[in-house]
């Protein structure tokens, strides 16, 4: 298991938080995702043998947010 913090621009409300967390939590290999709106990031616990950081970033961008 690994934990990474991904910087995300454009999240401003609880709907944004739910969209990003929901997208990441639905990915195989992601054990948990928690958005911090004030810090503009999401902390993800995941199995690096199943899912990559690049895949998670791609999924966030598909929701309409910018990964820094």
PDB file of N, CA and C in Angstrom:
ATOM      1  N   UNK A   1       0.849  -1.189   0.000  1.00  0.00           N
ATOM      2  CA  UNK A   1       0.000   0.000   0.000  1.00  0.00           C
ATOM      3  C   UNK A   1       0.885   1.239   0.000  1.00  0.00           C
ATOM      4  N   UNK A   2       0.390   2.241  -0.669  1.00  0.00           N
ATOM      5  CA  UNK A   2       1.114   3.495  -0.797  1.00  0.00           C
ATOM      6  C   UNK A   2       0.145   4.645  -0.566  1.00  0.00           C
ATOM      7  N   UNK A   3       0.665   5.786  -0.137  1.00  0.00           N
ATOM      8  CA  UNK A   3      -0.149   6.984   0.055  1.00  0.00           C
ATOM      9  C   UNK A   3       0.510   8.131  -0.682  1.00  0.00           C
ATOM     10  N   UNK A   4      -0.274   8.844  -1.501  1.00  0.00           N
ATOM     11  CA  UNK A   4       0.225  10.006  -2.222  1.00  0.00           C
ATOM     12  C   UNK A   4      -0.770  11.144  -2.099  1.00  0.00           C
ATOM     13  N   UNK A   5      -0.253  12.362  -2.245  1.00  0.00           N
ATOM     14  CA  UNK A   5      -1.083  13.561  -2.255  1.00  0.00           C
ATOM     15  C   UNK A   5      -1.011  14.149  -3.654  1.00  0.00           C
ATOM     16  N   UNK A   6      -2.170  14.363  -4.262  1.00  0.00           N
ATOM     17  CA  UNK A   6      -2.257  14.921  -5.606  1.00  0.00           C
ATOM     18  C   UNK A   6      -2.858  16.314  -5.510  1.00  0.00           C
ATOM     19  N   UNK A   7      -2.158  17.312  -6.046  1.00  0.00           N
ATOM     20  CA  UNK A   7      -2.664  18.683  -6.057  1.00  0.00           C
ATOM     21  C   UNK A   7      -3.697  18.824  -7.176  1.00  0.00           C
ATOM     22  N   UNK A   8      -4.860  19.400  -6.840  1.00  0.00           N
ATOM     23  CA  UNK A   8      -5.953  19.535  -7.798  1.00  0.00           C
ATOM     24  C   UNK A   8      -6.500  20.956  -7.743  1.00  0.00           C
ATOM     25  N   UNK A   9      -6.568  21.613  -8.895  1.00  0.00           N
ATOM     26  CA  UNK A   9      -7.136  22.959  -8.987  1.00  0.00           C
ATOM     27  C   UNK A   9      -8.580  22.870  -9.477  1.00  0.00           C
ATOM     28  N   UNK A  10      -9.419  23.773  -8.988  1.00  0.00           N
ATOM     29  CA  UNK A  10     -10.786  23.869  -9.477  1.00  0.00           C
ATOM     30  C   UNK A  10     -11.841  23.290  -8.561  1.00  0.00           C
ATOM     31  N   UNK A  11     -11.427  22.643  -7.472  1.00  0.00           N
ATOM     32  CA  UNK A  11     -12.401  22.102  -6.523  1.00  0.00           C
ATOM     33  C   UNK A  11     -12.789  23.218  -5.555  1.00  0.00           C
ATOM     34  N   UNK A  12     -14.093  23.512  -5.480  1.00  0.00           N
ATOM     35  CA  UNK A  12     -14.518  24.634  -4.650  1.00  0.00           C
ATOM     36  C   UNK A  12     -15.624  24.296  -3.651  1.00  0.00           C
ATOM     37  N   UNK A  13     -16.252  23.131  -3.792  1.00  0.00           N
ATOM     38  CA  UNK A  13     -17.422  22.856  -2.957  1.00  0.00           C
ATOM     39  C   UNK A  13     -17.521  21.365  -2.635  1.00  0.00           C
ATOM     40  N   UNK A  14     -18.529  21.020  -1.849  1.00  0.00           N
ATOM     41  CA  UNK A  14     -18.721  19.619  -1.470  1.00  0.00           C
ATOM     42  C   UNK A  14     -19.064  18.741  -2.664  1.00  0.00           C
ATOM     43  N   UNK A  15     -19.708  19.310  -3.690  1.00  0.00           N
ATOM     44  CA  UNK A  15     -19.985  18.524  -4.898  1.00  0.00           C
ATOM     45  C   UNK A  15     -18.674  18.143  -5.582  1.00  0.00           C
ATOM     46  N   UNK A  16     -17.743  19.089  -5.653  1.00  0.00           N
ATOM     47  CA  UNK A  16     -16.421  18.818  -6.236  1.00  0.00           C
ATOM     48  C   UNK A  16     -15.721  17.717  -5.441  1.00  0.00           C
ATOM     49  N   UNK A  17     -15.764  17.858  -4.135  1.00  0.00           N
ATOM     50  CA  UNK A  17     -15.143  16.883  -3.233  1.00  0.00           C
ATOM     51  C   UNK A  17     -15.716  15.496  -3.487  1.00  0.00           C
ATOM     52  N   UNK A  18     -17.038  15.400  -3.555  1.00  0.00           N
ATOM     53  CA  UNK A  18     -17.703  14.106  -3.762  1.00  0.00           C
ATOM     54  C   UNK A  18     -17.367  13.523  -5.136  1.00  0.00           C
ATOM     55  N   UNK A  19     -17.277  14.386  -6.154  1.00  0.00           N
ATOM     56  CA  UNK A  19     -16.982  13.912  -7.508  1.00  0.00           C
ATOM     57  C   UNK A  19     -15.582  13.301  -7.578  1.00  0.00           C
ATOM     58  N   UNK A  20     -14.599  13.983  -7.008  1.00  0.00           N
ATOM     59  CA  UNK A  20     -13.225  13.495  -7.065  1.00  0.00           C
ATOM     60  C   UNK A  20     -13.059  12.246  -6.196  1.00  0.00           C
ATOM     61  N   UNK A  21     -13.577  12.293  -4.970  1.00  0.00           N
ATOM     62  CA  UNK A  21     -13.464  11.124  -4.095  1.00  0.00           C
ATOM     63  C   UNK A  21     -14.178   9.922  -4.691  1.00  0.00           C
ATOM     64  N   UNK A  22     -15.364  10.135  -5.239  1.00  0.00           N
ATOM     65  CA  UNK A  22     -16.128   9.037  -5.824  1.00  0.00           C
ATOM     66  C   UNK A  22     -15.427   8.415  -7.005  1.00  0.00           C
ATOM     67  N   UNK A  23     -14.873   9.244  -7.872  1.00  0.00           N
ATOM     68  CA  UNK A  23     -14.155   8.744  -9.044  1.00  0.00           C
ATOM     69  C   UNK A  23     -12.954   7.901  -8.631  1.00  0.00           C
ATOM     70  N   UNK A  24     -12.189   8.404  -7.683  1.00  0.00           N
ATOM     71  CA  UNK A  24     -10.997   7.674  -7.254  1.00  0.00           C
ATOM     72  C   UNK A  24     -11.361   6.403  -6.497  1.00  0.00           C
ATOM     73  N   UNK A  25     -12.358   6.472  -5.626  1.00  0.00           N
ATOM     74  CA  UNK A  25     -12.746   5.299  -4.847  1.00  0.00           C
ATOM     75  C   UNK A  25     -13.308   4.181  -5.719  1.00  0.00           C
ATOM     76  N   UNK A  26     -13.772   4.511  -6.915  1.00  0.00           N
ATOM     77  CA  UNK A  26     -14.290   3.494  -7.829  1.00  0.00           C
ATOM     78  C   UNK A  26     -13.195   2.790  -8.632  1.00  0.00           C
ATOM     79  N   UNK A  27     -11.971   3.294  -8.569  1.00  0.00           N
ATOM     80  CA  UNK A  27     -10.871   2.671  -9.296  1.00  0.00           C
ATOM     81  C   UNK A  27     -10.381   1.426  -8.559  1.00  0.00           C
ATOM     82  N   UNK A  28     -10.117   0.373  -9.316  1.00  0.00           N
ATOM     83  CA  UNK A  28      -9.515  -0.817  -8.716  1.00  0.00           C
ATOM     84  C   UNK A  28      -8.167  -0.442  -8.140  1.00  0.00           C
ATOM     85  N   UNK A  29      -7.904  -0.876  -6.920  1.00  0.00           N
ATOM     86  CA  UNK A  29      -6.624  -0.610  -6.277  1.00  0.00           C
ATOM     87  C   UNK A  29      -6.632   0.562  -5.328  1.00  0.00           C
ATOM     88  N   UNK A  30      -7.646   1.430  -5.429  1.00  0.00           N
ATOM     89  CA  UNK A  30      -7.738   2.569  -4.513  1.00  0.00           C
ATOM     90  C   UNK A  30      -8.498   2.130  -3.266  1.00  0.00           C
ATOM     91  N   UNK A  31      -7.844   2.281  -2.124  1.00  0.00           N
ATOM     92  CA  UNK A  31      -8.453   1.883  -0.847  1.00  0.00           C
ATOM     93  C   UNK A  31      -9.180   3.043  -0.174  1.00  0.00           C
ATOM     94  N   UNK A  32      -8.790   4.280  -0.521  1.00  0.00           N
ATOM     95  CA  UNK A  32      -9.442   5.441   0.057  1.00  0.00           C
ATOM     96  C   UNK A  32      -8.912   6.727  -0.541  1.00  0.00           C
ATOM     97  N   UNK A  33      -9.800   7.705  -0.667  1.00  0.00           N
ATOM     98  CA  UNK A  33      -9.414   9.019  -1.187  1.00  0.00           C
ATOM     99  C   UNK A  33     -10.118  10.079  -0.358  1.00  0.00           C
ATOM    100  N   UNK A  34      -9.351  11.088   0.059  1.00  0.00           N
ATOM    101  CA  UNK A  34      -9.925  12.161   0.873  1.00  0.00           C
ATOM    102  C   UNK A  34      -9.472  13.512   0.352  1.00  0.00           C
ATOM    103  N   UNK A  35     -10.442  14.317  -0.068  1.00  0.00           N
ATOM    104  CA  UNK A  35     -10.174  15.655  -0.589  1.00  0.00           C
ATOM    105  C   UNK A  35     -10.075  16.651   0.551  1.00  0.00           C
ATOM    106  N   UNK A  36      -9.105  17.553   0.460  1.00  0.00           N
ATOM    107  CA  UNK A  36      -8.987  18.698   1.352  1.00  0.00           C
ATOM    108  C   UNK A  36      -9.180  19.934   0.483  1.00  0.00           C
ATOM    109  N   UNK A  37     -10.364  20.534   0.548  1.00  0.00           N
ATOM    110  CA  UNK A  37     -10.676  21.685  -0.303  1.00  0.00           C
ATOM    111  C   UNK A  37      -9.770  22.877  -0.015  1.00  0.00           C
ATOM    112  N   UNK A  38      -9.463  23.117   1.259  1.00  0.00           N
ATOM    113  CA  UNK A  38      -8.625  24.266   1.615  1.00  0.00           C
ATOM    114  C   UNK A  38      -7.210  24.134   1.059  1.00  0.00           C
ATOM    115  N   UNK A  39      -6.669  22.923   1.091  1.00  0.00           N
ATOM    116  CA  UNK A  39      -5.305  22.692   0.606  1.00  0.00           C
ATOM    117  C   UNK A  39      -5.267  22.395  -0.889  1.00  0.00           C
ATOM    118  N   UNK A  40      -6.449  22.265  -1.505  1.00  0.00           N
ATOM    119  CA  UNK A  40      -6.559  21.962  -2.936  1.00  0.00           C
ATOM    120  C   UNK A  40      -5.828  20.677  -3.305  1.00  0.00           C
ATOM    121  N   UNK A  41      -6.097  19.616  -2.510  1.00  0.00           N
ATOM    122  CA  UNK A  41      -5.464  18.348  -2.831  1.00  0.00           C
ATOM    123  C   UNK A  41      -6.346  17.172  -2.434  1.00  0.00           C
ATOM    124  N   UNK A  42      -5.903  15.994  -2.858  1.00  0.00           N
ATOM    125  CA  UNK A  42      -6.576  14.755  -2.472  1.00  0.00           C
ATOM    126  C   UNK A  42      -5.491  13.769  -2.043  1.00  0.00           C
ATOM    127  N   UNK A  43      -5.703  13.160  -0.877  1.00  0.00           N
ATOM    128  CA  UNK A  43      -4.798  12.139  -0.368  1.00  0.00           C
ATOM    129  C   UNK A  43      -5.387  10.784  -0.723  1.00  0.00           C
ATOM    130  N   UNK A  44      -4.578   9.950  -1.365  1.00  0.00           N
ATOM    131  CA  UNK A  44      -5.066   8.662  -1.866  1.00  0.00           C
ATOM    132  C   UNK A  44      -4.237   7.521  -1.285  1.00  0.00           C
ATOM    133  N   UNK A  45      -4.925   6.545  -0.693  1.00  0.00           N
ATOM    134  CA  UNK A  45      -4.302   5.288  -0.277  1.00  0.00           C
ATOM    135  C   UNK A  45      -4.597   4.275  -1.367  1.00  0.00           C
ATOM    136  N   UNK A  46      -3.551   3.644  -1.898  1.00  0.00           N
ATOM    137  CA  UNK A  46      -3.764   2.753  -3.034  1.00  0.00           C
ATOM    138  C   UNK A  46      -2.699   1.666  -3.114  1.00  0.00           C
ATOM    139  N   UNK A  47      -2.996   0.650  -3.900  1.00  0.00           N
ATOM    140  CA  UNK A  47      -2.073  -0.439  -4.183  1.00  0.00           C
ATOM    141  C   UNK A  47      -1.357  -0.108  -5.490  1.00  0.00           C
ATOM    142  N   UNK A  48      -0.069   0.233  -5.398  1.00  0.00           N
ATOM    143  CA  UNK A  48       0.677   0.655  -6.579  1.00  0.00           C
ATOM    144  C   UNK A  48       0.867  -0.467  -7.596  1.00  0.00           C
ATOM    145  N   UNK A  49       0.565  -1.698  -7.213  1.00  0.00           N
ATOM    146  CA  UNK A  49       0.631  -2.822  -8.154  1.00  0.00           C
ATOM    147  C   UNK A  49      -0.628  -2.931  -9.006  1.00  0.00           C
ATOM    148  N   UNK A  50      -1.677  -2.178  -8.637  1.00  0.00           N
ATOM    149  CA  UNK A  50      -2.960  -2.267  -9.333  1.00  0.00           C
ATOM    150  C   UNK A  50      -3.289  -0.993 -10.106  1.00  0.00           C
ATOM    151  N   UNK A  51      -2.978   0.158  -9.526  1.00  0.00           N
ATOM    152  CA  UNK A  51      -3.337   1.433 -10.151  1.00  0.00           C
ATOM    153  C   UNK A  51      -2.155   2.403 -10.056  1.00  0.00           C
ATOM    154  N   UNK A  52      -1.996   3.229 -11.087  1.00  0.00           N
ATOM    155  CA  UNK A  52      -0.884   4.190 -11.115  1.00  0.00           C
ATOM    156  C   UNK A  52      -1.374   5.593 -10.759  1.00  0.00           C
ATOM    157  N   UNK A  53      -0.443   6.426 -10.354  1.00  0.00           N
ATOM    158  CA  UNK A  53      -0.754   7.828 -10.078  1.00  0.00           C
ATOM    159  C   UNK A  53      -1.238   8.500 -11.366  1.00  0.00           C
ATOM    160  N   UNK A  54      -0.610   8.166 -12.486  1.00  0.00           N
ATOM    161  CA  UNK A  54      -1.034   8.749 -13.765  1.00  0.00           C
ATOM    162  C   UNK A  54      -2.485   8.414 -14.073  1.00  0.00           C
ATOM    163  N   UNK A  55      -2.914   7.193 -13.790  1.00  0.00           N
ATOM    164  CA  UNK A  55      -4.309   6.798 -14.025  1.00  0.00           C
ATOM    165  C   UNK A  55      -5.242   7.609 -13.122  1.00  0.00           C
ATOM    166  N   UNK A  56      -4.855   7.804 -11.872  1.00  0.00           N
ATOM    167  CA  UNK A  56      -5.685   8.587 -10.956  1.00  0.00           C
ATOM    168  C   UNK A  56      -5.787  10.033 -11.429  1.00  0.00           C
ATOM    169  N   UNK A  57      -4.665  10.602 -11.880  1.00  0.00           N
ATOM    170  CA  UNK A  57      -4.665  11.980 -12.376  1.00  0.00           C
ATOM    171  C   UNK A  57      -5.564  12.098 -13.606  1.00  0.00           C
ATOM    172  N   UNK A  58      -5.497  11.115 -14.483  1.00  0.00           N
ATOM    173  CA  UNK A  58      -6.333  11.106 -15.688  1.00  0.00           C
ATOM    174  C   UNK A  58      -7.818  11.093 -15.313  1.00  0.00           C
ATOM    175  N   UNK A  59      -8.181  10.295 -14.333  1.00  0.00           N
ATOM    176  CA  UNK A  59      -9.575  10.210 -13.899  1.00  0.00           C
ATOM    177  C   UNK A  59     -10.047  11.531 -13.288  1.00  0.00           C
ATOM    178  N   UNK A  60      -9.177  12.194 -12.528  1.00  0.00           N
ATOM    179  CA  UNK A  60      -9.520  13.497 -11.945  1.00  0.00           C
ATOM    180  C   UNK A  60      -9.748  14.520 -13.062  1.00  0.00           C
ATOM    181  N   UNK A  61      -8.850  14.529 -14.035  1.00  0.00           N
ATOM    182  CA  UNK A  61      -8.983  15.462 -15.156  1.00  0.00           C
ATOM    183  C   UNK A  61     -10.234  15.183 -15.966  1.00  0.00           C
ATOM    184  N   UNK A  62     -10.634  13.917 -16.078  1.00  0.00           N
ATOM    185  CA  UNK A  62     -11.859  13.564 -16.785  1.00  0.00           C
ATOM    186  C   UNK A  62     -13.100  14.141 -16.098  1.00  0.00           C
ATOM    187  N   UNK A  63     -12.987  14.441 -14.800  1.00  0.00           N
ATOM    188  CA  UNK A  63     -14.082  15.049 -14.048  1.00  0.00           C
ATOM    189  C   UNK A  63     -14.106  16.573 -14.232  1.00  0.00           C
ATOM    190  N   UNK A  64     -13.105  17.115 -14.933  1.00  0.00           N
ATOM    191  CA  UNK A  64     -13.098  18.543 -15.225  1.00  0.00           C
ATOM    192  C   UNK A  64     -12.195  19.374 -14.344  1.00  0.00           C
ATOM    193  N   UNK A  65     -11.332  18.711 -13.574  1.00  0.00           N
ATOM    194  CA  UNK A  65     -10.418  19.439 -12.688  1.00  0.00           C
ATOM    195  C   UNK A  65      -9.003  19.370 -13.228  1.00  0.00           C
ATOM    196  N   UNK A  66      -8.175  20.328 -12.828  1.00  0.00           N
ATOM    197  CA  UNK A  66      -6.794  20.384 -13.301  1.00  0.00           C
ATOM    198  C   UNK A  66      -5.865  19.824 -12.238  1.00  0.00           C
ATOM    199  N   UNK A  67      -5.050  18.855 -12.637  1.00  0.00           N
ATOM    200  CA  UNK A  67      -4.046  18.302 -11.750  1.00  0.00           C
ATOM    201  C   UNK A  67      -2.760  19.103 -11.943  1.00  0.00           C
ATOM    202  N   UNK A  68      -2.191  19.566 -10.839  1.00  0.00           N
ATOM    203  CA  UNK A  68      -0.985  20.403 -10.898  1.00  0.00           C
ATOM    204  C   UNK A  68       0.257  19.526 -10.874  1.00  0.00           C
TER     205      UNK A  68
END
